[in-house]
Amino acid sequence: MAANSAVGSSPYPKHDLSHFPSALKGKRILLCTESFGPVNGVSRTTLMLVTHLRDHGAQVAVVAPHNHTKHNTFTPPSSPLMSPADKQPEIRVTGYPLPFNPELSIVYPVRNSTLYSKTFGDDAPPDLIYLASPASLGFQVMLQLRQQPKEKQIPVICNFQTDLAGYCAILFPAPLSYFAVFAFAAVQSYLFRHASVKTIFYPSTFVKRYLVGQKVQEDKLEVLTRGVNTEMFNPTRRSEELRKQLAPNGEIIFVTVSRIAGEKGFDFLAKAAKEMDARGLNFKLYIVGGNRNADVEREVHEMFDPLREQGKVVFAGFKVGEDLATAYASGDVFLHCSVTETFGLVVLESMASGVPVIARDEGGPSDIVQHGDNGFLIPPNDLDSFVSKAMKLGQDHALRTNMGHAARAAACEATWEKINNKVAWRMADTIAESQREKSSPQVQKLSNAGLDAQQLIPIYGWLMMNDAMRENITSRIVDARLMGGLGIIVSVWMVTGWYMVFTECFLWAKGRWREAERTRRASISA
C-alpha cells in the first residue's frame, strides 16, 4: 500500500512525497468529478485532494453534478494563500440522477469552453484538468479535448476509481449486460488512449489488468492507493454503550459498511448470515449504509429475513463522521462482500479502527488485506470458506485481537498527505511538460499549419473562402464530430437510465404486492 509505488515505465521522475511541489502553487486546476460530498469513498477521496491542493496554494475549481441528496453537500475551504477566493469556485452542472444511485447523475451535454468561462474566466484557461472517476461528465470533457488542435489541448490526469463496466455486468440481465460492458469498455479505451490524457491513476492491480486489457498504454498507468484518517478511524472510538445496545447478551458483532445496493454483494452476505445462524453462531450483523431509492433499499433488507425480523441483522442507515467511526470500532469483525470495488476504502477504514477484515478476494481489497495477518481473503464464490473464517474469528478472541492490532498497524502506513502529494507532484510535472511541448518549434510549426495549407492546397482558392468562412466550416465540422461522439455516450447512458427506471418501477410494484400479501395473511391469521 505504499503511496510512492510507481510503474517502472513511468516517464516522470520520482519525488520526495513528504513535500508539496512549490511549482504547483498558483496553477489553475479544473477538477471534474461525478459526485462531490462526504457520502461515498470516491467523493471523500476527492474532497481530501481538493482541500490539500487549496491548502498549499493551488487554484482548484470543482465541477460536479447538482446534489440530489441532503447528505451529499460539502464545500472545502478556499486556499488561504490565494486571492480572490472566487477563483476557486464550485460549479454544479445539471444532470439526471440514476434511480439505483441518486448520488450519481447522467450529466447533460456541456461545453468545455463554458466550464472554463465559469471557473477561471475566458482569458485564463486551466493549466490542467483532473478527472475523478470519469463517467458522463469526464467522458464529455475528454471527447471535446480530442477535437482541439495539439497546441490548444489541456493536459488531463484521470483517477480511475469506479468500475462502471463491472457494475453493468451485475446490474443488467444478459444480453443487455454484454452490450453495456462492451460499450463502456469501448468508450473508456477510446478516450483514455488519446495523447491529451497524460496519466491514469489506478487503485489496484485488478484495475490495472482491466485497463491494459482495453489497450490503454501502460506507460500512462500509475498506481495510487488511498489513505485513511487514522485519527478519525481509531480503536479508541469503540463504544461499549453501542455494543450493549446491539449485543446485550455478548453476541459477536459483525459490521458491514456499504451503500445498500444489489451490486454490493448483499445476496452473498445474506446467505453467509443465514449459514452462520444455521451453524449455531451467536452473532449480530450491523449494516451501516442506505440508498436514496427506498424500493432498492427494501429489496436488500428483505434478503435478510427472517434474521432481520428476529433482530439478528440490524440496518443502521447512513452514518458519517464520528458516528461512522464509532460504528467501525464497535464491531468485532468487518465483513466485505462486494466484488466491484476498485479499492475498497471501507476496508482500510475498518482496519484503521482495529477491526480485522474478511473479504472476497476480488478487486481492490485483494491488495489491502494481508491474508492470515490482518484478515482473510476468500475466493469470491466460496460461501463455505467465508462462513468458516467468520466463525473462526468470531469464536477466537485472541486471534481477533492480534489481527486487529496488525490491521491498525498496516492502515497507519497509508497517509493521505503522501498520497495527495503524489498527485500534486504528477500535476506539477504534467503542467511543466505541457508548457515545454507548447513552446517547442514542432508545435509552433503545427499552429501555422492552417496558413500553410491555404497556400499549398488549390481547393482553397477554388472555393474562394475567406478566413471567416473557413473558421465557420471548421467549427461546424468539429461540432458535428463532437455531437456524434456525445450521441454515442448519451445513448449508452440513456439505455442505462431507462433500464434502471424500468427496474425501479418493477421494484416498486413488487414491494406493493408484498405489502398487500402480508396484509392479506395477517387478516387471515386474525
Protein backbone atom coordinates (compact mmCIF):
# COMPACT_ATOMS: atom_id res chain seq x y z
CA MET A 1 0.00 0.00 0.00
CA ALA A 2 2.96 2.31 -0.33
CA ALA A 3 1.94 5.68 -1.58
CA ASN A 4 5.02 6.18 -3.70
CA SER A 5 4.82 2.97 -5.68
CA ALA A 6 5.20 3.58 -9.36
CA VAL A 7 5.04 1.82 -12.67
CA GLY A 8 8.58 1.19 -13.84
CA SER A 9 7.95 2.65 -17.29
CA SER A 10 6.64 5.98 -15.99
CA PRO A 11 8.30 8.90 -17.84
CA TYR A 12 8.15 11.15 -14.78
CA PRO A 13 10.86 11.47 -12.10
CA LYS A 14 10.43 10.28 -8.52
CA HIS A 15 9.99 12.86 -5.79
CA ASP A 16 10.09 13.15 -2.04
CA LEU A 17 6.41 12.69 -1.23
CA SER A 18 6.74 14.26 2.18
CA HIS A 19 6.90 17.67 0.45
CA PHE A 20 4.36 19.53 -1.69
CA PRO A 21 5.68 20.81 -5.08
CA SER A 22 6.16 24.56 -4.88
CA ALA A 23 5.76 24.80 -8.67
CA LEU A 24 2.06 23.93 -8.32
CA LYS A 25 1.26 27.00 -6.24
CA GLY A 26 -0.93 29.41 -8.20
CA LYS A 27 -1.60 26.93 -11.01
CA ARG A 28 -5.16 26.66 -12.30
CA ILE A 29 -6.61 23.15 -11.92
CA LEU A 30 -10.06 22.27 -13.22
CA LEU A 31 -11.27 19.25 -11.25
CA CYS A 32 -14.31 17.43 -12.65
CA THR A 33 -15.96 14.73 -10.60
CA GLU A 34 -19.10 12.67 -10.97
CA SER A 35 -20.08 13.14 -7.31
CA PHE A 36 -18.89 15.56 -4.65
CA GLY A 37 -19.65 15.05 -0.99
CA PRO A 38 -18.79 13.00 2.11
CA VAL A 39 -21.08 10.01 1.49
CA ASN A 40 -19.11 7.54 -0.63
CA GLY A 41 -15.42 6.62 -0.72
CA VAL A 42 -14.70 8.20 -4.11
CA SER A 43 -16.24 11.52 -3.06
CA ARG A 44 -14.38 11.57 0.27
CA THR A 45 -11.11 10.90 -1.55
CA THR A 46 -11.76 13.77 -3.97
CA LEU A 47 -12.71 16.16 -1.17
CA MET A 48 -9.46 15.45 0.65
CA LEU A 49 -7.44 16.09 -2.51
CA VAL A 50 -9.21 19.41 -3.20
CA THR A 51 -8.63 20.57 0.37
CA HIS A 52 -4.97 19.50 0.27
CA LEU A 53 -4.27 21.32 -3.01
CA ARG A 54 -6.00 24.50 -1.86
CA ASP A 55 -4.26 24.44 1.50
CA HIS A 56 -0.93 24.56 -0.37
CA GLY A 57 -1.84 27.43 -2.69
CA ALA A 58 -3.14 25.77 -5.86
CA GLN A 59 -6.22 27.25 -7.54
CA VAL A 60 -8.76 24.44 -7.78
CA ALA A 61 -12.15 24.89 -9.43
CA VAL A 62 -14.54 21.98 -8.89
CA VAL A 63 -17.20 20.94 -11.41
CA ALA A 64 -19.75 18.34 -10.31
CA PRO A 65 -23.40 17.44 -10.91
CA HIS A 66 -26.08 19.05 -8.76
CA ASN A 67 -26.75 17.36 -5.45
CA HIS A 68 -29.89 15.27 -5.32
CA THR A 69 -29.42 14.16 -1.71
CA LYS A 70 -29.33 16.14 1.51
CA HIS A 71 -26.30 14.17 2.76
CA ASN A 72 -24.08 14.98 -0.21
CA THR A 73 -23.36 18.68 0.30
CA PHE A 74 -19.87 19.80 1.27
CA THR A 75 -17.70 22.71 0.22
CA PRO A 76 -13.99 22.55 1.05
CA PRO A 77 -12.35 25.77 2.24
CA SER A 78 -10.66 28.09 -0.22
CA SER A 79 -6.89 28.34 -0.25
CA PRO A 80 -5.62 30.71 2.45
CA LEU A 81 -2.72 31.58 0.12
CA MET A 82 -4.78 32.65 -2.88
CA SER A 83 -6.85 35.75 -3.51
CA PRO A 84 -9.57 36.32 -4.51
CA ALA A 85 -11.42 33.26 -3.26
CA ASP A 86 -13.87 33.40 -6.18
CA LYS A 87 -11.12 32.00 -8.41
CA GLN A 88 -11.73 28.68 -6.62
CA PRO A 89 -15.41 28.14 -7.36
CA GLU A 90 -17.61 25.08 -7.08
CA ILE A 91 -19.74 24.78 -10.22
CA ARG A 92 -22.74 22.46 -10.33
CA VAL A 93 -23.94 21.15 -13.69
CA THR A 94 -27.34 19.69 -14.48
CA GLY A 95 -27.95 16.00 -14.85
CA TYR A 96 -30.43 13.19 -14.32
CA PRO A 97 -29.90 11.18 -11.10
CA LEU A 98 -29.63 7.42 -11.57
CA PRO A 99 -32.59 5.67 -9.94
CA PHE A 100 -30.41 2.99 -8.32
CA ASN A 101 -27.90 5.52 -7.00
CA PRO A 102 -29.09 9.15 -6.93
CA GLU A 103 -25.62 10.24 -5.78
CA LEU A 104 -24.57 9.80 -9.43
CA SER A 105 -26.09 11.63 -12.39
CA ILE A 106 -26.11 11.43 -16.15
CA VAL A 107 -24.78 14.91 -16.89
CA TYR A 108 -26.47 16.73 -19.75
CA PRO A 109 -24.19 17.97 -22.58
CA VAL A 110 -21.93 20.85 -21.55
CA ARG A 111 -19.11 22.51 -23.48
CA ASN A 112 -15.59 22.75 -22.14
CA SER A 113 -15.48 26.44 -23.07
CA THR A 114 -18.47 27.02 -20.77
CA LEU A 115 -16.69 25.29 -17.90
CA TYR A 116 -13.55 27.38 -18.49
CA SER A 117 -15.58 30.59 -18.60
CA LYS A 118 -17.47 29.84 -15.38
CA THR A 119 -14.38 28.80 -13.43
CA PHE A 120 -11.21 30.74 -14.25
CA GLY A 121 -12.58 33.03 -16.97
CA ASP A 122 -12.40 33.25 -20.75
CA ASP A 123 -8.89 34.71 -20.73
CA ALA A 124 -7.40 32.16 -18.28
CA PRO A 125 -7.97 28.53 -19.27
CA PRO A 126 -6.90 25.87 -16.76
CA ASP A 127 -3.32 24.64 -16.72
CA LEU A 128 -4.52 21.09 -16.11
CA ILE A 129 -7.75 19.09 -15.96
CA TYR A 130 -8.16 16.40 -13.31
CA LEU A 131 -10.98 13.89 -13.82
CA ALA A 132 -12.10 11.93 -10.75
CA SER A 133 -13.78 8.66 -11.76
CA PRO A 134 -14.70 9.94 -15.23
CA ALA A 135 -18.14 8.94 -16.47
CA SER A 136 -20.79 11.10 -18.15
CA LEU A 137 -19.06 14.42 -17.26
CA GLY A 138 -15.49 13.23 -17.66
CA PHE A 139 -16.26 11.49 -20.95
CA GLN A 140 -17.61 14.74 -22.38
CA VAL A 141 -14.54 16.69 -21.31
CA MET A 142 -12.12 14.15 -22.84
CA LEU A 143 -14.13 13.86 -26.05
CA GLN A 144 -14.08 17.61 -26.63
CA LEU A 145 -10.35 17.81 -25.96
CA ARG A 146 -9.79 15.28 -28.75
CA GLN A 147 -11.29 17.77 -31.19
CA GLN A 148 -8.82 20.53 -30.31
CA PRO A 149 -5.53 21.10 -32.17
CA LYS A 150 -2.48 19.92 -30.26
CA GLU A 151 -1.31 23.41 -29.35
CA LYS A 152 -4.67 24.15 -27.66
CA GLN A 153 -5.08 20.88 -25.79
CA ILE A 154 -5.00 20.99 -22.00
CA PRO A 155 -3.29 18.02 -20.31
CA VAL A 156 -5.52 15.59 -18.44
CA ILE A 157 -4.95 13.36 -15.42
CA CYS A 158 -7.60 10.73 -14.67
CA ASN A 159 -8.22 8.84 -11.48
CA PHE A 160 -9.97 5.58 -12.33
CA GLN A 161 -11.91 4.78 -9.16
CA THR A 162 -15.23 3.32 -10.32
CA ASP A 163 -15.63 0.12 -12.34
CA LEU A 164 -18.64 1.11 -14.44
CA ALA A 165 -18.40 -1.98 -16.62
CA GLY A 166 -18.32 -4.20 -13.54
CA TYR A 167 -21.47 -2.56 -12.19
CA CYS A 168 -23.21 -3.06 -15.53
CA ALA A 169 -22.29 -6.76 -15.56
CA ILE A 170 -24.05 -7.21 -12.21
CA LEU A 171 -26.99 -4.81 -12.53
CA PHE A 172 -28.16 -5.69 -16.04
CA PRO A 173 -29.51 -9.04 -17.26
CA ALA A 174 -28.00 -10.73 -20.29
CA PRO A 175 -27.78 -9.83 -23.13
CA LEU A 176 -28.13 -6.18 -22.09
CA SER A 177 -25.22 -6.58 -19.68
CA TYR A 178 -22.96 -7.71 -22.55
CA PHE A 179 -23.82 -4.61 -24.56
CA ALA A 180 -23.34 -2.28 -21.57
CA VAL A 181 -19.97 -3.77 -20.62
CA PHE A 182 -18.77 -3.60 -24.23
CA ALA A 183 -19.98 -0.02 -24.66
CA PHE A 184 -18.34 1.31 -21.51
CA ALA A 185 -15.11 -0.55 -22.23
CA ALA A 186 -15.02 0.78 -25.80
CA VAL A 187 -15.68 4.39 -24.77
CA GLN A 188 -13.09 4.28 -21.98
CA SER A 189 -10.47 2.69 -24.21
CA TYR A 190 -11.06 5.24 -26.99
CA LEU A 191 -10.83 8.24 -24.67
CA PHE A 192 -8.02 7.09 -22.39
CA ARG A 193 -5.64 6.32 -25.25
CA HIS A 194 -5.63 9.89 -26.59
CA ALA A 195 -2.45 11.95 -26.25
CA SER A 196 -4.15 14.60 -24.11
CA VAL A 197 -4.54 12.04 -21.30
CA LYS A 198 -1.12 12.00 -19.67
CA THR A 199 -1.67 9.84 -16.57
CA ILE A 200 -4.34 7.44 -15.38
CA PHE A 201 -4.14 6.66 -11.69
CA TYR A 202 -5.42 3.22 -10.75
CA PRO A 203 -6.02 1.91 -7.21
CA SER A 204 -5.32 -1.82 -7.53
CA THR A 205 -3.79 -4.50 -9.74
CA PHE A 206 -7.33 -5.61 -10.60
CA VAL A 207 -7.97 -2.24 -12.27
CA LYS A 208 -4.59 -2.21 -13.99
CA ARG A 209 -5.30 -5.56 -15.62
CA TYR A 210 -8.63 -4.22 -16.85
CA LEU A 211 -7.10 -1.06 -18.37
CA VAL A 212 -4.23 -2.92 -20.02
CA GLY A 213 -6.81 -5.31 -21.45
CA GLN A 214 -8.53 -2.28 -23.02
CA LYS A 215 -5.28 -1.38 -24.84
CA VAL A 216 -4.55 1.67 -22.68
CA GLN A 217 -0.83 2.49 -22.91
CA GLU A 218 0.93 1.03 -19.87
CA ASP A 219 3.30 3.98 -19.52
CA LYS A 220 0.26 6.15 -18.70
CA LEU A 221 -0.75 3.96 -15.77
CA GLU A 222 0.33 4.82 -12.22
CA VAL A 223 -0.77 3.12 -9.03
CA LEU A 224 -2.40 5.39 -6.47
CA THR A 225 -3.84 3.82 -3.36
CA ARG A 226 -5.97 5.69 -0.86
CA GLY A 227 -5.18 6.96 2.57
CA VAL A 228 -7.17 6.86 5.76
CA ASN A 229 -7.73 9.33 8.56
CA THR A 230 -6.21 7.35 11.42
CA GLU A 231 -7.25 9.97 13.95
CA MET A 232 -10.90 9.75 12.96
CA PHE A 233 -10.93 5.99 12.40
CA ASN A 234 -9.33 4.71 15.57
CA PRO A 235 -9.84 1.83 18.07
CA THR A 236 -10.49 4.42 20.78
CA ARG A 237 -13.85 5.14 19.11
CA ARG A 238 -15.14 1.80 20.37
CA SER A 239 -18.43 2.37 22.22
CA GLU A 240 -19.44 -0.05 24.95
CA GLU A 241 -22.82 1.62 25.03
CA LEU A 242 -23.44 0.82 21.35
CA ARG A 243 -22.17 -2.72 21.86
CA LYS A 244 -24.58 -3.31 24.74
CA GLN A 245 -27.39 -1.90 22.68
CA LEU A 246 -26.59 -4.19 19.74
CA ALA A 247 -25.47 -7.29 21.62
CA PRO A 248 -26.90 -7.27 25.16
CA ASN A 249 -26.06 -10.95 25.62
CA GLY A 250 -22.45 -10.66 24.48
CA GLU A 251 -23.02 -11.73 20.88
CA ILE A 252 -20.23 -11.37 18.34
CA ILE A 253 -20.78 -8.19 16.31
CA PHE A 254 -20.09 -8.33 12.57
CA VAL A 255 -20.03 -4.95 10.82
CA THR A 256 -20.63 -4.08 7.16
CA VAL A 257 -20.41 -0.54 5.76
CA SER A 258 -21.70 -0.07 2.23
CA ARG A 259 -24.24 1.65 0.05
CA ILE A 260 -27.33 -0.58 0.08
CA ALA A 261 -27.49 -1.84 -3.49
CA GLY A 262 -27.62 -5.14 -5.32
CA GLU A 263 -24.15 -4.80 -6.85
CA LYS A 264 -22.55 -4.56 -3.39
CA GLY A 265 -22.76 -8.29 -2.71
CA PHE A 266 -25.65 -8.29 -0.24
CA ASP A 267 -27.08 -11.50 -1.68
CA PHE A 268 -23.82 -13.24 -0.72
CA LEU A 269 -23.80 -11.59 2.73
CA ALA A 270 -27.39 -12.68 3.38
CA LYS A 271 -26.53 -16.29 2.56
CA ALA A 272 -23.48 -16.11 4.83
CA ALA A 273 -25.53 -14.69 7.72
CA LYS A 274 -28.18 -17.41 7.39
CA GLU A 275 -25.50 -20.10 7.25
CA MET A 276 -23.77 -18.78 10.40
CA ASP A 277 -27.13 -18.80 12.14
CA ALA A 278 -27.77 -22.37 10.97
CA ARG A 279 -24.40 -23.42 12.42
CA GLY A 280 -25.37 -22.03 15.79
CA LEU A 281 -23.15 -18.92 15.99
CA ASN A 282 -24.48 -16.32 18.43
CA PHE A 283 -23.98 -13.04 16.50
CA LYS A 284 -25.40 -9.72 15.42
CA LEU A 285 -24.82 -8.25 11.95
CA TYR A 286 -24.69 -4.44 11.97
CA ILE A 287 -25.10 -2.98 8.47
CA VAL A 288 -24.32 0.73 8.00
CA GLY A 289 -25.46 2.43 4.81
CA GLY A 290 -28.55 3.22 2.82
CA ASN A 291 -29.96 4.06 -0.58
CA ARG A 292 -31.98 7.12 -1.60
CA ASN A 293 -34.20 4.74 -3.54
CA ALA A 294 -36.48 3.24 -0.90
CA ASP A 295 -37.54 0.33 -3.12
CA VAL A 296 -33.96 -0.77 -3.73
CA GLU A 297 -33.23 -0.49 0.00
CA ARG A 298 -36.33 -2.51 0.88
CA GLU A 299 -35.36 -5.21 -1.61
CA VAL A 300 -31.98 -5.66 0.07
CA HIS A 301 -33.48 -5.58 3.58
CA GLU A 302 -35.83 -8.42 2.70
CA MET A 303 -32.89 -10.60 1.65
CA PHE A 304 -32.06 -10.94 5.36
CA ASP A 305 -35.47 -12.11 6.54
CA PRO A 306 -36.21 -13.83 8.88
CA LEU A 307 -32.94 -12.83 10.65
CA ARG A 308 -33.83 -9.15 10.33
CA GLU A 309 -37.23 -9.74 11.89
CA GLN A 310 -35.54 -11.65 14.75
CA GLY A 311 -33.19 -8.72 15.44
CA LYS A 312 -30.04 -10.62 14.43
CA VAL A 313 -29.47 -8.28 11.47
CA VAL A 314 -29.67 -4.55 12.16
CA PHE A 315 -29.74 -1.88 9.44
CA ALA A 316 -28.40 1.40 10.85
CA GLY A 317 -28.88 3.68 7.82
CA PHE A 318 -26.38 6.31 6.69
CA LYS A 319 -23.67 7.39 9.10
CA VAL A 320 -20.85 9.90 8.61
CA GLY A 321 -18.05 11.42 10.66
CA GLU A 322 -17.70 10.32 14.28
CA ASP A 323 -20.85 8.20 14.14
CA LEU A 324 -19.38 6.21 11.26
CA ALA A 325 -16.03 5.85 13.07
CA THR A 326 -17.84 4.59 16.18
CA ALA A 327 -19.74 2.03 14.12
CA TYR A 328 -16.50 0.60 12.72
CA ALA A 329 -14.63 0.46 16.02
CA SER A 330 -17.53 -1.07 17.95
CA GLY A 331 -17.54 -4.21 15.83
CA ASP A 332 -15.53 -7.39 16.27
CA VAL A 333 -15.11 -8.41 12.64
CA PHE A 334 -15.70 -6.48 9.38
CA LEU A 335 -17.37 -8.41 6.54
CA HIS A 336 -16.83 -7.14 2.99
CA CYS A 337 -18.81 -8.93 0.29
CA SER A 338 -18.65 -6.59 -2.70
CA VAL A 339 -16.64 -7.75 -5.72
CA THR A 340 -16.93 -4.47 -7.69
CA GLU A 341 -14.66 -2.26 -5.57
CA THR A 342 -11.67 -0.77 -7.38
CA PHE A 343 -10.10 -0.06 -3.99
CA GLY A 344 -12.42 -0.52 -1.01
CA LEU A 345 -11.89 2.46 1.31
CA VAL A 346 -14.27 0.94 3.87
CA VAL A 347 -11.84 -1.95 4.29
CA LEU A 348 -8.99 0.42 5.09
CA GLU A 349 -11.18 2.44 7.47
CA SER A 350 -12.15 -0.73 9.30
CA MET A 351 -8.51 -1.76 9.63
CA ALA A 352 -7.61 1.69 10.99
CA SER A 353 -10.35 1.12 13.57
CA GLY A 354 -8.53 -2.01 14.75
CA VAL A 355 -11.10 -4.43 13.30
CA PRO A 356 -9.92 -7.43 11.22
CA VAL A 357 -11.50 -7.96 7.80
CA ILE A 358 -12.92 -10.90 5.94
CA ALA A 359 -13.29 -10.04 2.24
CA ARG A 360 -13.99 -11.81 -1.01
CA ASP A 361 -10.74 -11.98 -2.97
CA GLU A 362 -11.74 -9.76 -5.89
CA GLY A 363 -10.94 -6.14 -6.74
CA GLY A 364 -9.25 -3.61 -4.52
CA PRO A 365 -9.47 -5.42 -1.15
CA SER A 366 -7.13 -8.09 -2.53
CA ASP A 367 -4.32 -5.50 -2.37
CA ILE A 368 -5.26 -4.23 1.09
CA VAL A 369 -5.94 -7.29 3.22
CA GLN A 370 -2.92 -9.42 4.08
CA HIS A 371 -4.34 -12.93 4.29
CA GLY A 372 -3.76 -14.55 7.66
CA ASP A 373 -2.19 -11.40 9.12
CA ASN A 374 -4.85 -8.68 9.40
CA GLY A 375 -7.77 -10.61 7.97
CA PHE A 376 -8.76 -13.28 5.48
CA LEU A 377 -9.27 -13.25 1.70
CA ILE A 378 -11.79 -15.79 0.46
CA PRO A 379 -12.35 -16.95 -3.16
CA PRO A 380 -15.26 -14.85 -4.46
CA ASN A 381 -17.82 -17.67 -4.69
CA ASP A 382 -16.67 -19.84 -1.78
CA LEU A 383 -19.51 -19.29 0.69
CA ASP A 384 -18.46 -22.19 2.93
CA SER A 385 -14.92 -20.82 3.44
CA PHE A 386 -16.26 -17.31 4.06
CA VAL A 387 -18.59 -18.58 6.77
CA SER A 388 -15.90 -20.80 8.30
CA LYS A 389 -13.43 -17.92 8.62
CA ALA A 390 -16.12 -15.64 10.04
CA MET A 391 -16.97 -18.23 12.69
CA LYS A 392 -13.29 -18.80 13.42
CA LEU A 393 -12.64 -15.12 14.06
CA GLY A 394 -15.90 -14.77 15.92
CA GLN A 395 -15.05 -17.58 18.34
CA ASP A 396 -11.29 -16.94 18.79
CA HIS A 397 -10.83 -13.76 20.86
CA ALA A 398 -7.02 -13.95 20.87
CA LEU A 399 -6.80 -14.32 17.07
CA ARG A 400 -9.28 -11.50 16.63
CA THR A 401 -7.25 -9.21 18.90
CA ASN A 402 -3.92 -9.99 17.18
CA MET A 403 -5.37 -9.45 13.74
CA GLY A 404 -6.95 -6.19 14.90
CA HIS A 405 -3.57 -4.86 16.05
CA ALA A 406 -1.98 -5.90 12.73
CA ALA A 407 -4.82 -4.23 10.80
CA ARG A 408 -4.32 -0.96 12.66
CA ALA A 409 -0.55 -1.02 12.07
CA ALA A 410 -1.00 -1.63 8.32
CA ALA A 411 -3.55 1.17 7.98
CA CYS A 412 -1.26 3.66 9.73
CA GLU A 413 1.23 3.27 6.85
CA ALA A 414 -1.26 4.78 4.37
CA THR A 415 -1.23 8.53 5.00
CA TRP A 416 -3.32 10.96 2.96
CA GLU A 417 -0.53 13.54 2.93
CA LYS A 418 1.87 11.36 0.92
CA ILE A 419 -0.86 10.10 -1.39
CA ASN A 420 -2.15 13.60 -2.16
CA ASN A 421 1.40 14.89 -2.57
CA LYS A 422 1.96 12.18 -5.15
CA VAL A 423 -0.98 13.54 -7.15
CA ALA A 424 0.32 17.09 -6.70
CA TRP A 425 3.79 16.18 -8.00
CA ARG A 426 2.28 14.47 -11.04
CA MET A 427 0.22 17.58 -11.71
CA ALA A 428 3.27 19.82 -11.46
CA ASP A 429 5.33 17.56 -13.76
CA THR A 430 2.48 17.32 -16.29
CA ILE A 431 1.99 21.09 -16.44
CA ALA A 432 5.74 21.66 -16.88
CA GLU A 433 5.89 19.06 -19.66
CA SER A 434 2.90 20.62 -21.42
CA GLN A 435 4.46 24.08 -21.30
CA ARG A 436 7.69 22.74 -22.79
CA GLU A 437 5.80 21.00 -25.58
CA LYS A 438 3.80 24.09 -26.50
CA SER A 439 6.93 26.21 -26.73
CA SER A 440 8.74 23.69 -28.91
CA PRO A 441 9.40 24.53 -32.61
CA GLN A 442 7.38 21.49 -33.74
CA VAL A 443 4.20 22.68 -32.05
CA GLN A 444 4.75 26.24 -33.26
CA LYS A 445 5.00 24.83 -36.76
CA LEU A 446 1.73 22.94 -36.29
CA SER A 447 -0.02 26.11 -35.16
CA ASN A 448 0.81 27.68 -38.51
CA ALA A 449 -0.30 24.61 -40.46
CA GLY A 450 -3.66 26.19 -41.30
CA LEU A 451 -2.00 29.09 -43.13
CA ASP A 452 0.44 26.77 -44.94
CA ALA A 453 -2.45 24.58 -46.05
CA GLN A 454 -4.21 27.56 -47.54
CA GLN A 455 -1.13 28.31 -49.66
CA LEU A 456 -0.46 24.70 -50.68
CA ILE A 457 -3.93 23.31 -51.40
CA PRO A 458 -5.52 24.80 -54.56
CA ILE A 459 -9.03 23.89 -53.45
CA TYR A 460 -8.97 26.83 -51.03
CA GLY A 461 -8.60 29.28 -53.88
CA TRP A 462 -11.13 27.43 -55.96
CA LEU A 463 -13.73 27.71 -53.15
CA MET A 464 -12.87 31.44 -52.76
CA MET A 465 -13.11 31.11 -48.98
CA ASN A 466 -12.12 33.88 -46.66
CA ASP A 467 -10.83 33.26 -43.12
CA ALA A 468 -14.25 33.72 -41.53
CA MET A 469 -15.81 31.14 -43.87
CA ARG A 470 -13.06 28.61 -43.20
CA GLU A 471 -13.32 29.09 -39.46
CA ASN A 472 -17.08 28.69 -39.62
CA ILE A 473 -16.90 25.44 -41.61
CA THR A 474 -14.10 24.07 -39.44
CA SER A 475 -16.15 24.88 -36.35
CA ARG A 476 -19.17 23.11 -37.82
CA ILE A 477 -17.11 20.02 -38.66
CA VAL A 478 -15.68 19.92 -35.15
CA ASP A 479 -19.15 20.39 -33.66
CA ALA A 480 -20.52 17.58 -35.84
CA ARG A 481 -17.79 15.20 -34.70
CA LEU A 482 -18.30 16.30 -31.13
CA MET A 483 -22.05 15.81 -31.23
CA GLY A 484 -21.60 12.41 -32.86
CA GLY A 485 -19.33 11.27 -30.06
CA LEU A 486 -21.60 12.77 -27.43
CA GLY A 487 -24.50 10.99 -29.08
CA ILE A 488 -22.82 7.63 -28.54
CA ILE A 489 -22.08 8.40 -24.90
CA VAL A 490 -25.54 9.82 -24.22
CA SER A 491 -27.14 6.81 -25.92
CA VAL A 492 -25.28 4.46 -23.60
CA TRP A 493 -26.36 6.48 -20.58
CA MET A 494 -29.97 6.65 -21.84
CA VAL A 495 -30.15 2.88 -22.21
CA THR A 496 -28.72 2.59 -18.72
CA GLY A 497 -31.17 5.12 -17.32
CA TRP A 498 -34.26 3.68 -18.98
CA TYR A 499 -33.39 0.19 -17.82
CA MET A 500 -32.96 1.47 -14.28
CA VAL A 501 -36.27 3.34 -14.44
CA PHE A 502 -37.94 0.13 -15.61
CA THR A 503 -36.30 -1.80 -12.76
CA GLU A 504 -37.29 0.87 -10.26
CA CYS A 505 -40.94 0.58 -11.35
CA PHE A 506 -40.69 -3.20 -11.10
CA LEU A 507 -39.27 -2.99 -7.57
CA TRP A 508 -42.00 -0.55 -6.57
CA ALA A 509 -44.73 -2.84 -7.87
CA LYS A 510 -43.08 -5.85 -6.23
CA GLY A 511 -42.90 -4.02 -2.91
CA ARG A 512 -46.58 -3.05 -3.07
CA TRP A 513 -47.54 -6.64 -3.91
CA ARG A 514 -45.56 -7.95 -0.95
CA GLU A 515 -47.19 -5.46 1.39
CA ALA A 516 -50.62 -6.46 0.14
CA GLU A 517 -49.74 -10.13 0.57
CA ARG A 518 -48.54 -9.59 4.13
CA THR A 519 -51.73 -7.65 4.92
CA ARG A 520 -53.87 -10.45 3.48
CA ARG A 521 -52.05 -13.11 5.50
CA ALA A 522 -52.34 -11.04 8.66
CA SER A 523 -56.08 -10.64 8.15
CA ILE A 524 -56.47 -14.40 7.61
CA SER A 525 -54.46 -15.14 10.76
CA ALA A 526 -56.59 -12.72 12.75
